[in-house]
């Protein structure tokens, strides 16, 4: 089966959309970065390097230093699909990030987004 074409998109091309979505709702780029770093294990410098390198989404997630083990707590619907039911691992990782940014834009507190609140 052919790969989804979204896997070839550079992370640098989708990142501004995450930031714009958050900022339109009064949130910050720093919060977007914190979410991405929490999910992937990238440091801020590593994240900046990935953006500068225009790494594709497949590489961005496969190179992630430490995908957060708590990411399986991310539940809900994004683009009409329940993220916890997505079988293809890379697509699930991409949708996890989409869901977290959506939660940010909807005004959810960072502690809840990062699954640190009990």
PDB file of N, CA and C in Angstrom:
ATOM      1  N   UNK A   1       0.841  -1.183   0.000  1.00  0.00           N
ATOM      2  CA  UNK A   1       0.000   0.000   0.000  1.00  0.00           C
ATOM      3  C   UNK A   1       0.886   1.247   0.000  1.00  0.00           C
ATOM      4  N   UNK A   2       0.532   2.238  -0.798  1.00  0.00           N
ATOM      5  CA  UNK A   2       1.291   3.480  -0.865  1.00  0.00           C
ATOM      6  C   UNK A   2       1.148   4.254   0.436  1.00  0.00           C
ATOM      7  N   UNK A   3       2.199   5.005   0.758  1.00  0.00           N
ATOM      8  CA  UNK A   3       2.159   5.860   1.943  1.00  0.00           C
ATOM      9  C   UNK A   3       1.221   7.032   1.704  1.00  0.00           C
ATOM     10  N   UNK A   4       0.671   7.537   2.780  1.00  0.00           N
ATOM     11  CA  UNK A   4      -0.125   8.752   2.688  1.00  0.00           C
ATOM     12  C   UNK A   4       0.783   9.885   2.225  1.00  0.00           C
ATOM     13  N   UNK A   5       0.278  10.743   1.395  1.00  0.00           N
ATOM     14  CA  UNK A   5       1.100  11.845   0.903  1.00  0.00           C
ATOM     15  C   UNK A   5       1.464  12.825   2.005  1.00  0.00           C
ATOM     16  N   UNK A   6       0.658  12.869   3.072  1.00  0.00           N
ATOM     17  CA  UNK A   6       0.932  13.781   4.182  1.00  0.00           C
ATOM     18  C   UNK A   6       2.279  13.458   4.837  1.00  0.00           C
ATOM     19  N   UNK A   7       2.722  12.207   4.767  1.00  0.00           N
ATOM     20  CA  UNK A   7       3.993  11.820   5.382  1.00  0.00           C
ATOM     21  C   UNK A   7       5.174  12.555   4.754  1.00  0.00           C
ATOM     22  N   UNK A   8       4.998  12.992   3.526  1.00  0.00           N
ATOM     23  CA  UNK A   8       6.080  13.673   2.805  1.00  0.00           C
ATOM     24  C   UNK A   8       6.075  15.187   3.032  1.00  0.00           C
ATOM     25  N   UNK A   9       5.032  15.701   3.658  1.00  0.00           N
ATOM     26  CA  UNK A   9       4.995  17.136   3.963  1.00  0.00           C
ATOM     27  C   UNK A   9       6.115  17.441   4.945  1.00  0.00           C
ATOM     28  N   UNK A  10       6.761  18.569   4.766  1.00  0.00           N
ATOM     29  CA  UNK A  10       7.781  18.943   5.741  1.00  0.00           C
ATOM     30  C   UNK A  10       7.088  19.437   7.006  1.00  0.00           C
ATOM     31  N   UNK A  11       7.701  19.116   8.143  1.00  0.00           N
ATOM     32  CA  UNK A  11       7.147  19.598   9.397  1.00  0.00           C
ATOM     33  C   UNK A  11       7.131  21.122   9.387  1.00  0.00           C
ATOM     34  N   UNK A  12       8.140  21.719   8.764  1.00  0.00           N
ATOM     35  CA  UNK A  12       8.228  23.183   8.683  1.00  0.00           C
ATOM     36  C   UNK A  12       7.036  23.782   7.945  1.00  0.00           C
ATOM     37  N   UNK A  13       6.408  23.031   7.060  1.00  0.00           N
ATOM     38  CA  UNK A  13       5.258  23.557   6.318  1.00  0.00           C
ATOM     39  C   UNK A  13       3.961  23.486   7.120  1.00  0.00           C
ATOM     40  N   UNK A  14       3.850  22.544   8.059  1.00  0.00           N
ATOM     41  CA  UNK A  14       2.626  22.448   8.858  1.00  0.00           C
ATOM     42  C   UNK A  14       2.739  23.196  10.193  1.00  0.00           C
ATOM     43  N   UNK A  15       3.950  23.346  10.683  1.00  0.00           N
ATOM     44  CA  UNK A  15       4.177  24.016  11.969  1.00  0.00           C
ATOM     45  C   UNK A  15       3.541  25.410  12.039  1.00  0.00           C
ATOM     46  N   UNK A  16       3.704  26.272  11.015  1.00  0.00           N
ATOM     47  CA  UNK A  16       3.079  27.601  11.097  1.00  0.00           C
ATOM     48  C   UNK A  16       1.556  27.538  11.246  1.00  0.00           C
ATOM     49  N   UNK A  17       0.939  26.505  10.707  1.00  0.00           N
ATOM     50  CA  UNK A  17      -0.515  26.352  10.836  1.00  0.00           C
ATOM     51  C   UNK A  17      -0.899  26.047  12.285  1.00  0.00           C
ATOM     52  N   UNK A  18      -0.087  25.245  12.962  1.00  0.00           N
ATOM     53  CA  UNK A  18      -0.331  24.982  14.386  1.00  0.00           C
ATOM     54  C   UNK A  18      -0.232  26.277  15.183  1.00  0.00           C
ATOM     55  N   UNK A  19       0.817  27.047  14.913  1.00  0.00           N
ATOM     56  CA  UNK A  19       1.034  28.299  15.642  1.00  0.00           C
ATOM     57  C   UNK A  19      -0.102  29.282  15.360  1.00  0.00           C
ATOM     58  N   UNK A  20      -0.477  29.424  14.107  1.00  0.00           N
ATOM     59  CA  UNK A  20      -1.555  30.340  13.733  1.00  0.00           C
ATOM     60  C   UNK A  20      -2.865  29.953  14.410  1.00  0.00           C
ATOM     61  N   UNK A  21      -3.179  28.665  14.396  1.00  0.00           N
ATOM     62  CA  UNK A  21      -4.416  28.196  15.029  1.00  0.00           C
ATOM     63  C   UNK A  21      -4.423  28.554  16.515  1.00  0.00           C
ATOM     64  N   UNK A  22      -3.306  28.343  17.179  1.00  0.00           N
ATOM     65  CA  UNK A  22      -3.213  28.659  18.605  1.00  0.00           C
ATOM     66  C   UNK A  22      -3.293  30.160  18.847  1.00  0.00           C
ATOM     67  N   UNK A  23      -2.553  30.941  18.082  1.00  0.00           N
ATOM     68  CA  UNK A  23      -2.517  32.388  18.297  1.00  0.00           C
ATOM     69  C   UNK A  23      -3.857  33.047  18.018  1.00  0.00           C
ATOM     70  N   UNK A  24      -4.614  32.527  17.053  1.00  0.00           N
ATOM     71  CA  UNK A  24      -5.950  33.070  16.782  1.00  0.00           C
ATOM     72  C   UNK A  24      -6.864  32.946  17.986  1.00  0.00           C
ATOM     73  N   UNK A  25      -6.572  31.967  18.830  1.00  0.00           N
ATOM     74  CA  UNK A  25      -7.392  31.727  20.026  1.00  0.00           C
ATOM     75  C   UNK A  25      -6.730  32.258  21.296  1.00  0.00           C
ATOM     76  N   UNK A  26      -5.739  33.136  21.121  1.00  0.00           N
ATOM     77  CA  UNK A  26      -5.118  33.767  22.276  1.00  0.00           C
ATOM     78  C   UNK A  26      -4.042  32.943  22.959  1.00  0.00           C
ATOM     79  N   UNK A  27      -3.594  31.880  22.325  1.00  0.00           N
ATOM     80  CA  UNK A  27      -2.523  31.054  22.890  1.00  0.00           C
ATOM     81  C   UNK A  27      -1.208  31.453  22.229  1.00  0.00           C
ATOM     82  N   UNK A  28      -0.105  30.847  22.658  1.00  0.00           N
ATOM     83  CA  UNK A  28       1.201  31.298  22.195  1.00  0.00           C
ATOM     84  C   UNK A  28       1.989  30.228  21.450  1.00  0.00           C
ATOM     85  N   UNK A  29       2.975  30.710  20.701  1.00  0.00           N
ATOM     86  CA  UNK A  29       3.917  29.816  20.018  1.00  0.00           C
ATOM     87  C   UNK A  29       4.664  28.986  21.055  1.00  0.00           C
ATOM     88  N   UNK A  30       5.001  29.582  22.184  1.00  0.00           N
ATOM     89  CA  UNK A  30       5.706  28.856  23.245  1.00  0.00           C
ATOM     90  C   UNK A  30       4.883  27.671  23.740  1.00  0.00           C
ATOM     91  N   UNK A  31       3.571  27.837  23.823  1.00  0.00           N
ATOM     92  CA  UNK A  31       2.709  26.729  24.241  1.00  0.00           C
ATOM     93  C   UNK A  31       2.678  25.638  23.177  1.00  0.00           C
ATOM     94  N   UNK A  32       2.632  26.031  21.912  1.00  0.00           N
ATOM     95  CA  UNK A  32       2.678  25.055  20.813  1.00  0.00           C
ATOM     96  C   UNK A  32       3.982  24.268  20.902  1.00  0.00           C
ATOM     97  N   UNK A  33       5.093  24.979  21.077  1.00  0.00           N
ATOM     98  CA  UNK A  33       6.397  24.324  21.168  1.00  0.00           C
ATOM     99  C   UNK A  33       6.454  23.378  22.371  1.00  0.00           C
ATOM    100  N   UNK A  34       5.900  23.801  23.496  1.00  0.00           N
ATOM    101  CA  UNK A  34       5.894  22.950  24.693  1.00  0.00           C
ATOM    102  C   UNK A  34       5.128  21.650  24.439  1.00  0.00           C
ATOM    103  N   UNK A  35       4.026  21.757  23.735  1.00  0.00           N
ATOM    104  CA  UNK A  35       3.230  20.572  23.398  1.00  0.00           C
ATOM    105  C   UNK A  35       4.024  19.641  22.486  1.00  0.00           C
ATOM    106  N   UNK A  36       4.639  20.198  21.463  1.00  0.00           N
ATOM    107  CA  UNK A  36       5.413  19.380  20.521  1.00  0.00           C
ATOM    108  C   UNK A  36       6.574  18.703  21.246  1.00  0.00           C
ATOM    109  N   UNK A  37       7.270  19.454  22.086  1.00  0.00           N
ATOM    110  CA  UNK A  37       8.395  18.887  22.829  1.00  0.00           C
ATOM    111  C   UNK A  37       7.936  17.808  23.799  1.00  0.00           C
ATOM    112  N   UNK A  38       6.790  18.027  24.456  1.00  0.00           N
ATOM    113  CA  UNK A  38       6.242  17.022  25.366  1.00  0.00           C
ATOM    114  C   UNK A  38       5.923  15.727  24.613  1.00  0.00           C
ATOM    115  N   UNK A  39       5.308  15.853  23.450  1.00  0.00           N
ATOM    116  CA  UNK A  39       4.894  14.682  22.685  1.00  0.00           C
ATOM    117  C   UNK A  39       6.076  13.909  22.119  1.00  0.00           C
ATOM    118  N   UNK A  40       7.086  14.625  21.631  1.00  0.00           N
ATOM    119  CA  UNK A  40       8.165  13.987  20.871  1.00  0.00           C
ATOM    120  C   UNK A  40       9.465  13.778  21.632  1.00  0.00           C
ATOM    121  N   UNK A  41       9.671  14.542  22.689  1.00  0.00           N
ATOM    122  CA  UNK A  41      10.938  14.458  23.402  1.00  0.00           C
ATOM    123  C   UNK A  41      12.020  15.365  22.838  1.00  0.00           C
ATOM    124  N   UNK A  42      11.705  16.115  21.789  1.00  0.00           N
ATOM    125  CA  UNK A  42      12.679  17.070  21.256  1.00  0.00           C
ATOM    126  C   UNK A  42      12.897  18.191  22.270  1.00  0.00           C
ATOM    127  N   UNK A  43      14.133  18.691  22.347  1.00  0.00           N
ATOM    128  CA  UNK A  43      14.395  19.919  23.081  1.00  0.00           C
ATOM    129  C   UNK A  43      13.980  21.074  22.166  1.00  0.00           C
ATOM    130  N   UNK A  44      13.936  22.284  22.708  1.00  0.00           N
ATOM    131  CA  UNK A  44      13.583  23.438  21.870  1.00  0.00           C
ATOM    132  C   UNK A  44      14.581  23.579  20.717  1.00  0.00           C
ATOM    133  N   UNK A  45      15.872  23.390  21.001  1.00  0.00           N
ATOM    134  CA  UNK A  45      16.891  23.507  19.952  1.00  0.00           C
ATOM    135  C   UNK A  45      16.716  22.426  18.890  1.00  0.00           C
ATOM    136  N   UNK A  46      16.442  21.207  19.318  1.00  0.00           N
ATOM    137  CA  UNK A  46      16.222  20.121  18.367  1.00  0.00           C
ATOM    138  C   UNK A  46      14.984  20.381  17.512  1.00  0.00           C
ATOM    139  N   UNK A  47      13.940  20.916  18.127  1.00  0.00           N
ATOM    140  CA  UNK A  47      12.729  21.264  17.386  1.00  0.00           C
ATOM    141  C   UNK A  47      13.048  22.321  16.340  1.00  0.00           C
ATOM    142  N   UNK A  48      13.751  23.352  16.752  1.00  0.00           N
ATOM    143  CA  UNK A  48      14.148  24.413  15.812  1.00  0.00           C
ATOM    144  C   UNK A  48      14.995  23.846  14.674  1.00  0.00           C
ATOM    145  N   UNK A  49      15.880  22.910  14.992  1.00  0.00           N
ATOM    146  CA  UNK A  49      16.729  22.276  13.971  1.00  0.00           C
ATOM    147  C   UNK A  49      15.897  21.468  12.981  1.00  0.00           C
ATOM    148  N   UNK A  50      14.888  20.750  13.486  1.00  0.00           N
ATOM    149  CA  UNK A  50      14.009  19.966  12.605  1.00  0.00           C
ATOM    150  C   UNK A  50      13.241  20.885  11.651  1.00  0.00           C
ATOM    151  N   UNK A  51      12.794  22.005  12.175  1.00  0.00           N
ATOM    152  CA  UNK A  51      12.067  22.963  11.343  1.00  0.00           C
ATOM    153  C   UNK A  51      13.001  23.536  10.282  1.00  0.00           C
ATOM    154  N   UNK A  52      14.196  23.930  10.688  1.00  0.00           N
ATOM    155  CA  UNK A  52      15.173  24.505   9.749  1.00  0.00           C
ATOM    156  C   UNK A  52      15.575  23.501   8.675  1.00  0.00           C
ATOM    157  N   UNK A  53      15.663  22.228   9.050  1.00  0.00           N
ATOM    158  CA  UNK A  53      16.069  21.185   8.102  1.00  0.00           C
ATOM    159  C   UNK A  53      14.943  20.779   7.154  1.00  0.00           C
ATOM    160  N   UNK A  54      13.720  21.269   7.435  1.00  0.00           N
ATOM    161  CA  UNK A  54      12.550  20.926   6.627  1.00  0.00           C
ATOM    162  C   UNK A  54      12.337  19.403   6.550  1.00  0.00           C
ATOM    163  N   UNK A  55      12.530  18.768   7.682  1.00  0.00           N
ATOM    164  CA  UNK A  55      12.342  17.325   7.790  1.00  0.00           C
ATOM    165  C   UNK A  55      10.887  16.977   7.490  1.00  0.00           C
ATOM    166  N   UNK A  56      10.676  15.889   6.742  1.00  0.00           N
ATOM    167  CA  UNK A  56       9.293  15.493   6.467  1.00  0.00           C
ATOM    168  C   UNK A  56       8.673  14.894   7.732  1.00  0.00           C
ATOM    169  N   UNK A  57       7.345  14.775   7.732  1.00  0.00           N
ATOM    170  CA  UNK A  57       6.650  14.293   8.922  1.00  0.00           C
ATOM    171  C   UNK A  57       7.087  12.885   9.310  1.00  0.00           C
ATOM    172  N   UNK A  58       7.347  12.054   8.314  1.00  0.00           N
ATOM    173  CA  UNK A  58       7.808  10.695   8.606  1.00  0.00           C
ATOM    174  C   UNK A  58       9.128  10.752   9.376  1.00  0.00           C
ATOM    175  N   UNK A  59      10.061  11.535   8.893  1.00  0.00           N
ATOM    176  CA  UNK A  59      11.348  11.676   9.560  1.00  0.00           C
ATOM    177  C   UNK A  59      11.232  12.370  10.898  1.00  0.00           C
ATOM    178  N   UNK A  60      10.365  13.368  10.965  1.00  0.00           N
ATOM    179  CA  UNK A  60      10.182  14.121  12.208  1.00  0.00           C
ATOM    180  C   UNK A  60       9.782  13.187  13.347  1.00  0.00           C
ATOM    181  N   UNK A  61       8.825  12.311  13.095  1.00  0.00           N
ATOM    182  CA  UNK A  61       8.374  11.409  14.150  1.00  0.00           C
ATOM    183  C   UNK A  61       9.319  10.228  14.338  1.00  0.00           C
ATOM    184  N   UNK A  62       9.935   9.720  13.270  1.00  0.00           N
ATOM    185  CA  UNK A  62      10.862   8.596  13.450  1.00  0.00           C
ATOM    186  C   UNK A  62      12.150   9.032  14.139  1.00  0.00           C
ATOM    187  N   UNK A  63      12.542  10.302  13.986  1.00  0.00           N
ATOM    188  CA  UNK A  63      13.743  10.827  14.640  1.00  0.00           C
ATOM    189  C   UNK A  63      13.465  11.330  16.058  1.00  0.00           C
ATOM    190  N   UNK A  64      12.217  11.362  16.465  1.00  0.00           N
ATOM    191  CA  UNK A  64      11.865  11.901  17.785  1.00  0.00           C
ATOM    192  C   UNK A  64      12.643  11.159  18.871  1.00  0.00           C
ATOM    193  N   UNK A  65      13.296  11.909  19.741  1.00  0.00           N
ATOM    194  CA  UNK A  65      14.140  11.290  20.766  1.00  0.00           C
ATOM    195  C   UNK A  65      13.388  10.380  21.735  1.00  0.00           C
ATOM    196  N   UNK A  66      12.176  10.753  22.118  1.00  0.00           N
ATOM    197  CA  UNK A  66      11.452   9.967  23.118  1.00  0.00           C
ATOM    198  C   UNK A  66       9.969  10.297  23.039  1.00  0.00           C
ATOM    199  N   UNK A  67       9.229   9.561  22.234  1.00  0.00           N
ATOM    200  CA  UNK A  67       7.784   9.777  22.180  1.00  0.00           C
ATOM    201  C   UNK A  67       7.215   9.536  23.577  1.00  0.00           C
ATOM    202  N   UNK A  68       6.419  10.471  24.031  1.00  0.00           N
ATOM    203  CA  UNK A  68       5.923  10.439  25.402  1.00  0.00           C
ATOM    204  C   UNK A  68       5.024   9.219  25.626  1.00  0.00           C
ATOM    205  N   UNK A  69       5.330   8.412  26.644  1.00  0.00           N
ATOM    206  CA  UNK A  69       4.502   7.231  26.892  1.00  0.00           C
ATOM    207  C   UNK A  69       3.063   7.576  27.303  1.00  0.00           C
ATOM    208  N   UNK A  70       2.839   8.793  27.782  1.00  0.00           N
ATOM    209  CA  UNK A  70       1.490   9.206  28.181  1.00  0.00           C
ATOM    210  C   UNK A  70       0.629   9.595  26.985  1.00  0.00           C
ATOM    211  N   UNK A  71       1.189   9.573  25.786  1.00  0.00           N
ATOM    212  CA  UNK A  71       0.419   9.990  24.607  1.00  0.00           C
ATOM    213  C   UNK A  71      -0.758   9.067  24.334  1.00  0.00           C
ATOM    214  N   UNK A  72      -0.723   7.852  24.848  1.00  0.00           N
ATOM    215  CA  UNK A  72      -1.865   6.957  24.648  1.00  0.00           C
ATOM    216  C   UNK A  72      -3.089   7.388  25.453  1.00  0.00           C
ATOM    217  N   UNK A  73      -2.920   8.394  26.320  1.00  0.00           N
ATOM    218  CA  UNK A  73      -4.051   8.965  27.054  1.00  0.00           C
ATOM    219  C   UNK A  73      -4.814   9.988  26.208  1.00  0.00           C
ATOM    220  N   UNK A  74      -4.263  10.331  25.047  1.00  0.00           N
ATOM    221  CA  UNK A  74      -4.917  11.292  24.160  1.00  0.00           C
ATOM    222  C   UNK A  74      -6.082  10.579  23.483  1.00  0.00           C
ATOM    223  N   UNK A  75      -7.258  11.059  23.737  1.00  0.00           N
ATOM    224  CA  UNK A  75      -8.479  10.442  23.209  1.00  0.00           C
ATOM    225  C   UNK A  75      -9.321  11.509  22.533  1.00  0.00           C
ATOM    226  N   UNK A  76     -10.223  11.084  21.700  1.00  0.00           N
ATOM    227  CA  UNK A  76     -11.160  12.016  21.097  1.00  0.00           C
ATOM    228  C   UNK A  76     -11.156  11.948  19.589  1.00  0.00           C
ATOM    229  N   UNK A  77     -11.893  12.873  19.011  1.00  0.00           N
ATOM    230  CA  UNK A  77     -12.097  12.887  17.564  1.00  0.00           C
ATOM    231  C   UNK A  77     -11.340  14.052  16.948  1.00  0.00           C
ATOM    232  N   UNK A  78     -10.636  13.763  15.873  1.00  0.00           N
ATOM    233  CA  UNK A  78      -9.987  14.797  15.081  1.00  0.00           C
ATOM    234  C   UNK A  78     -10.245  14.447  13.614  1.00  0.00           C
ATOM    235  N   UNK A  79     -10.730  15.399  12.877  1.00  0.00           N
ATOM    236  CA  UNK A  79     -11.088  15.183  11.471  1.00  0.00           C
ATOM    237  C   UNK A  79     -12.078  14.030  11.315  1.00  0.00           C
ATOM    238  N   UNK A  80     -12.991  13.904  12.278  1.00  0.00           N
ATOM    239  CA  UNK A  80     -14.039  12.893  12.201  1.00  0.00           C
ATOM    240  C   UNK A  80     -13.598  11.483  12.543  1.00  0.00           C
ATOM    241  N   UNK A  81     -12.372  11.325  13.018  1.00  0.00           N
ATOM    242  CA  UNK A  81     -11.842   9.994  13.330  1.00  0.00           C
ATOM    243  C   UNK A  81     -11.362   9.975  14.779  1.00  0.00           C
ATOM    244  N   UNK A  82     -11.683   8.909  15.500  1.00  0.00           N
ATOM    245  CA  UNK A  82     -11.197   8.764  16.880  1.00  0.00           C
ATOM    246  C   UNK A  82      -9.708   8.438  16.832  1.00  0.00           C
ATOM    247  N   UNK A  83      -8.890   9.271  17.469  1.00  0.00           N
ATOM    248  CA  UNK A  83      -7.438   9.082  17.404  1.00  0.00           C
ATOM    249  C   UNK A  83      -7.006   7.746  17.984  1.00  0.00           C
ATOM    250  N   UNK A  84      -7.685   7.290  19.017  1.00  0.00           N
ATOM    251  CA  UNK A  84      -7.291   6.028  19.637  1.00  0.00           C
ATOM    252  C   UNK A  84      -7.597   4.812  18.765  1.00  0.00           C
ATOM    253  N   UNK A  85      -8.369   4.993  17.691  1.00  0.00           N
ATOM    254  CA  UNK A  85      -8.712   3.889  16.799  1.00  0.00           C
ATOM    255  C   UNK A  85      -7.893   3.877  15.512  1.00  0.00           C
ATOM    256  N   UNK A  86      -7.000   4.830  15.346  1.00  0.00           N
ATOM    257  CA  UNK A  86      -6.167   4.876  14.140  1.00  0.00           C
ATOM    258  C   UNK A  86      -5.126   3.774  14.245  1.00  0.00           C
ATOM    259  N   UNK A  87      -5.131   2.875  13.274  1.00  0.00           N
ATOM    260  CA  UNK A  87      -4.247   1.713  13.331  1.00  0.00           C
ATOM    261  C   UNK A  87      -2.841   2.008  12.839  1.00  0.00           C
ATOM    262  N   UNK A  88      -2.699   2.839  11.835  1.00  0.00           N
ATOM    263  CA  UNK A  88      -1.382   3.113  11.259  1.00  0.00           C
ATOM    264  C   UNK A  88      -0.590   3.983  12.238  1.00  0.00           C
ATOM    265  N   UNK A  89       0.541   3.493  12.749  1.00  0.00           N
ATOM    266  CA  UNK A  89       1.264   4.189  13.817  1.00  0.00           C
ATOM    267  C   UNK A  89       1.677   5.633  13.504  1.00  0.00           C
ATOM    268  N   UNK A  90       2.205   5.887  12.325  1.00  0.00           N
ATOM    269  CA  UNK A  90       2.644   7.245  12.006  1.00  0.00           C
ATOM    270  C   UNK A  90       1.456   8.202  11.913  1.00  0.00           C
ATOM    271  N   UNK A  91       0.384   7.771  11.305  1.00  0.00           N
ATOM    272  CA  UNK A  91      -0.804   8.620  11.212  1.00  0.00           C
ATOM    273  C   UNK A  91      -1.352   8.903  12.607  1.00  0.00           C
ATOM    274  N   UNK A  92      -1.298   7.915  13.495  1.00  0.00           N
ATOM    275  CA  UNK A  92      -1.765   8.123  14.867  1.00  0.00           C
ATOM    276  C   UNK A  92      -0.918   9.194  15.557  1.00  0.00           C
ATOM    277  N   UNK A  93       0.399   9.169  15.363  1.00  0.00           N
ATOM    278  CA  UNK A  93       1.275  10.182  15.976  1.00  0.00           C
ATOM    279  C   UNK A  93       0.932  11.581  15.449  1.00  0.00           C
ATOM    280  N   UNK A  94       0.721  11.684  14.154  1.00  0.00           N
ATOM    281  CA  UNK A  94       0.367  12.974  13.546  1.00  0.00           C
ATOM    282  C   UNK A  94      -0.958  13.467  14.117  1.00  0.00           C
ATOM    283  N   UNK A  95      -1.922  12.589  14.233  1.00  0.00           N
ATOM    284  CA  UNK A  95      -3.239  12.966  14.756  1.00  0.00           C
ATOM    285  C   UNK A  95      -3.194  13.275  16.249  1.00  0.00           C
ATOM    286  N   UNK A  96      -2.303  12.611  16.987  1.00  0.00           N
ATOM    287  CA  UNK A  96      -2.107  12.992  18.396  1.00  0.00           C
ATOM    288  C   UNK A  96      -1.710  14.462  18.474  1.00  0.00           C
ATOM    289  N   UNK A  97      -0.750  14.849  17.642  1.00  0.00           N
ATOM    290  CA  UNK A  97      -0.308  16.246  17.658  1.00  0.00           C
ATOM    291  C   UNK A  97      -1.447  17.171  17.247  1.00  0.00           C
ATOM    292  N   UNK A  98      -2.175  16.806  16.208  1.00  0.00           N
ATOM    293  CA  UNK A  98      -3.324  17.617  15.789  1.00  0.00           C
ATOM    294  C   UNK A  98      -4.315  17.788  16.938  1.00  0.00           C
ATOM    295  N   UNK A  99      -4.587  16.709  17.656  1.00  0.00           N
ATOM    296  CA  UNK A  99      -5.553  16.740  18.756  1.00  0.00           C
ATOM    297  C   UNK A  99      -5.065  17.648  19.886  1.00  0.00           C
ATOM    298  N   UNK A 100      -3.779  17.574  20.202  1.00  0.00           N
ATOM    299  CA  UNK A 100      -3.238  18.417  21.272  1.00  0.00           C
ATOM    300  C   UNK A 100      -3.325  19.897  20.906  1.00  0.00           C
ATOM    301  N   UNK A 101      -3.014  20.224  19.662  1.00  0.00           N
ATOM    302  CA  UNK A 101      -3.106  21.619  19.219  1.00  0.00           C
ATOM    303  C   UNK A 101      -4.566  22.063  19.229  1.00  0.00           C
ATOM    304  N   UNK A 102      -5.466  21.191  18.859  1.00  0.00           N
ATOM    305  CA  UNK A 102      -6.895  21.494  18.907  1.00  0.00           C
ATOM    306  C   UNK A 102      -7.336  21.770  20.347  1.00  0.00           C
ATOM    307  N   UNK A 103      -6.866  20.968  21.283  1.00  0.00           N
ATOM    308  CA  UNK A 103      -7.199  21.192  22.694  1.00  0.00           C
ATOM    309  C   UNK A 103      -6.682  22.550  23.158  1.00  0.00           C
ATOM    310  N   UNK A 104      -5.476  22.912  22.739  1.00  0.00           N
ATOM    311  CA  UNK A 104      -4.901  24.211  23.084  1.00  0.00           C
ATOM    312  C   UNK A 104      -5.784  25.334  22.554  1.00  0.00           C
ATOM    313  N   UNK A 105      -6.153  25.230  21.291  1.00  0.00           N
ATOM    314  CA  UNK A 105      -6.969  26.267  20.651  1.00  0.00           C
ATOM    315  C   UNK A 105      -8.357  26.366  21.290  1.00  0.00           C
ATOM    316  N   UNK A 106      -8.824  25.300  21.863  1.00  0.00           N
ATOM    317  CA  UNK A 106     -10.140  25.302  22.516  1.00  0.00           C
ATOM    318  C   UNK A 106     -10.085  25.820  23.950  1.00  0.00           C
ATOM    319  N   UNK A 107      -8.882  26.212  24.396  1.00  0.00           N
ATOM    320  CA  UNK A 107      -8.758  26.832  25.706  1.00  0.00           C
ATOM    321  C   UNK A 107      -8.457  25.895  26.859  1.00  0.00           C
ATOM    322  N   UNK A 108      -8.149  24.664  26.555  1.00  0.00           N
ATOM    323  CA  UNK A 108      -7.836  23.714  27.622  1.00  0.00           C
ATOM    324  C   UNK A 108      -6.540  24.135  28.320  1.00  0.00           C
ATOM    325  N   UNK A 109      -6.453  23.907  29.612  1.00  0.00           N
ATOM    326  CA  UNK A 109      -5.260  24.259  30.379  1.00  0.00           C
ATOM    327  C   UNK A 109      -4.097  23.351  29.995  1.00  0.00           C
ATOM    328  N   UNK A 110      -2.887  23.923  30.021  1.00  0.00           N
ATOM    329  CA  UNK A 110      -1.694  23.174  29.633  1.00  0.00           C
ATOM    330  C   UNK A 110      -1.512  21.908  30.471  1.00  0.00           C
ATOM    331  N   UNK A 111      -1.816  21.951  31.773  1.00  0.00           N
ATOM    332  CA  UNK A 111      -1.661  20.757  32.610  1.00  0.00           C
ATOM    333  C   UNK A 111      -2.517  19.606  32.087  1.00  0.00           C
ATOM    334  N   UNK A 112      -3.707  19.946  31.628  1.00  0.00           N
ATOM    335  CA  UNK A 112      -4.612  18.920  31.093  1.00  0.00           C
ATOM    336  C   UNK A 112      -4.126  18.419  29.737  1.00  0.00           C
ATOM    337  N   UNK A 113      -3.674  19.354  28.897  1.00  0.00           N
ATOM    338  CA  UNK A 113      -3.185  18.980  27.567  1.00  0.00           C
ATOM    339  C   UNK A 113      -1.988  18.036  27.696  1.00  0.00           C
ATOM    340  N   UNK A 114      -1.089  18.350  28.622  1.00  0.00           N
ATOM    341  CA  UNK A 114       0.125  17.555  28.805  1.00  0.00           C
ATOM    342  C   UNK A 114      -0.089  16.364  29.715  1.00  0.00           C
ATOM    343  N   UNK A 115      -1.341  16.109  30.043  1.00  0.00           N
ATOM    344  CA  UNK A 115      -1.717  14.947  30.831  1.00  0.00           C
ATOM    345  C   UNK A 115      -0.942  14.867  32.153  1.00  0.00           C
ATOM    346  N   UNK A 116      -0.725  16.043  32.797  1.00  0.00           N
ATOM    347  CA  UNK A 116      -0.010  16.052  34.066  1.00  0.00           C
ATOM    348  C   UNK A 116      -0.951  16.221  35.250  1.00  0.00           C
ATOM    349  N   UNK A 117      -2.179  16.627  35.001  1.00  0.00           N
ATOM    350  CA  UNK A 117      -3.157  16.796  36.094  1.00  0.00           C
ATOM    351  C   UNK A 117      -3.791  15.438  36.403  1.00  0.00           C
ATOM    352  N   UNK A 118      -4.031  15.226  37.657  1.00  0.00           N
ATOM    353  CA  UNK A 118      -4.627  13.939  38.052  1.00  0.00           C
ATOM    354  C   UNK A 118      -6.101  13.898  37.717  1.00  0.00           C
TER     355      UNK A 118
END
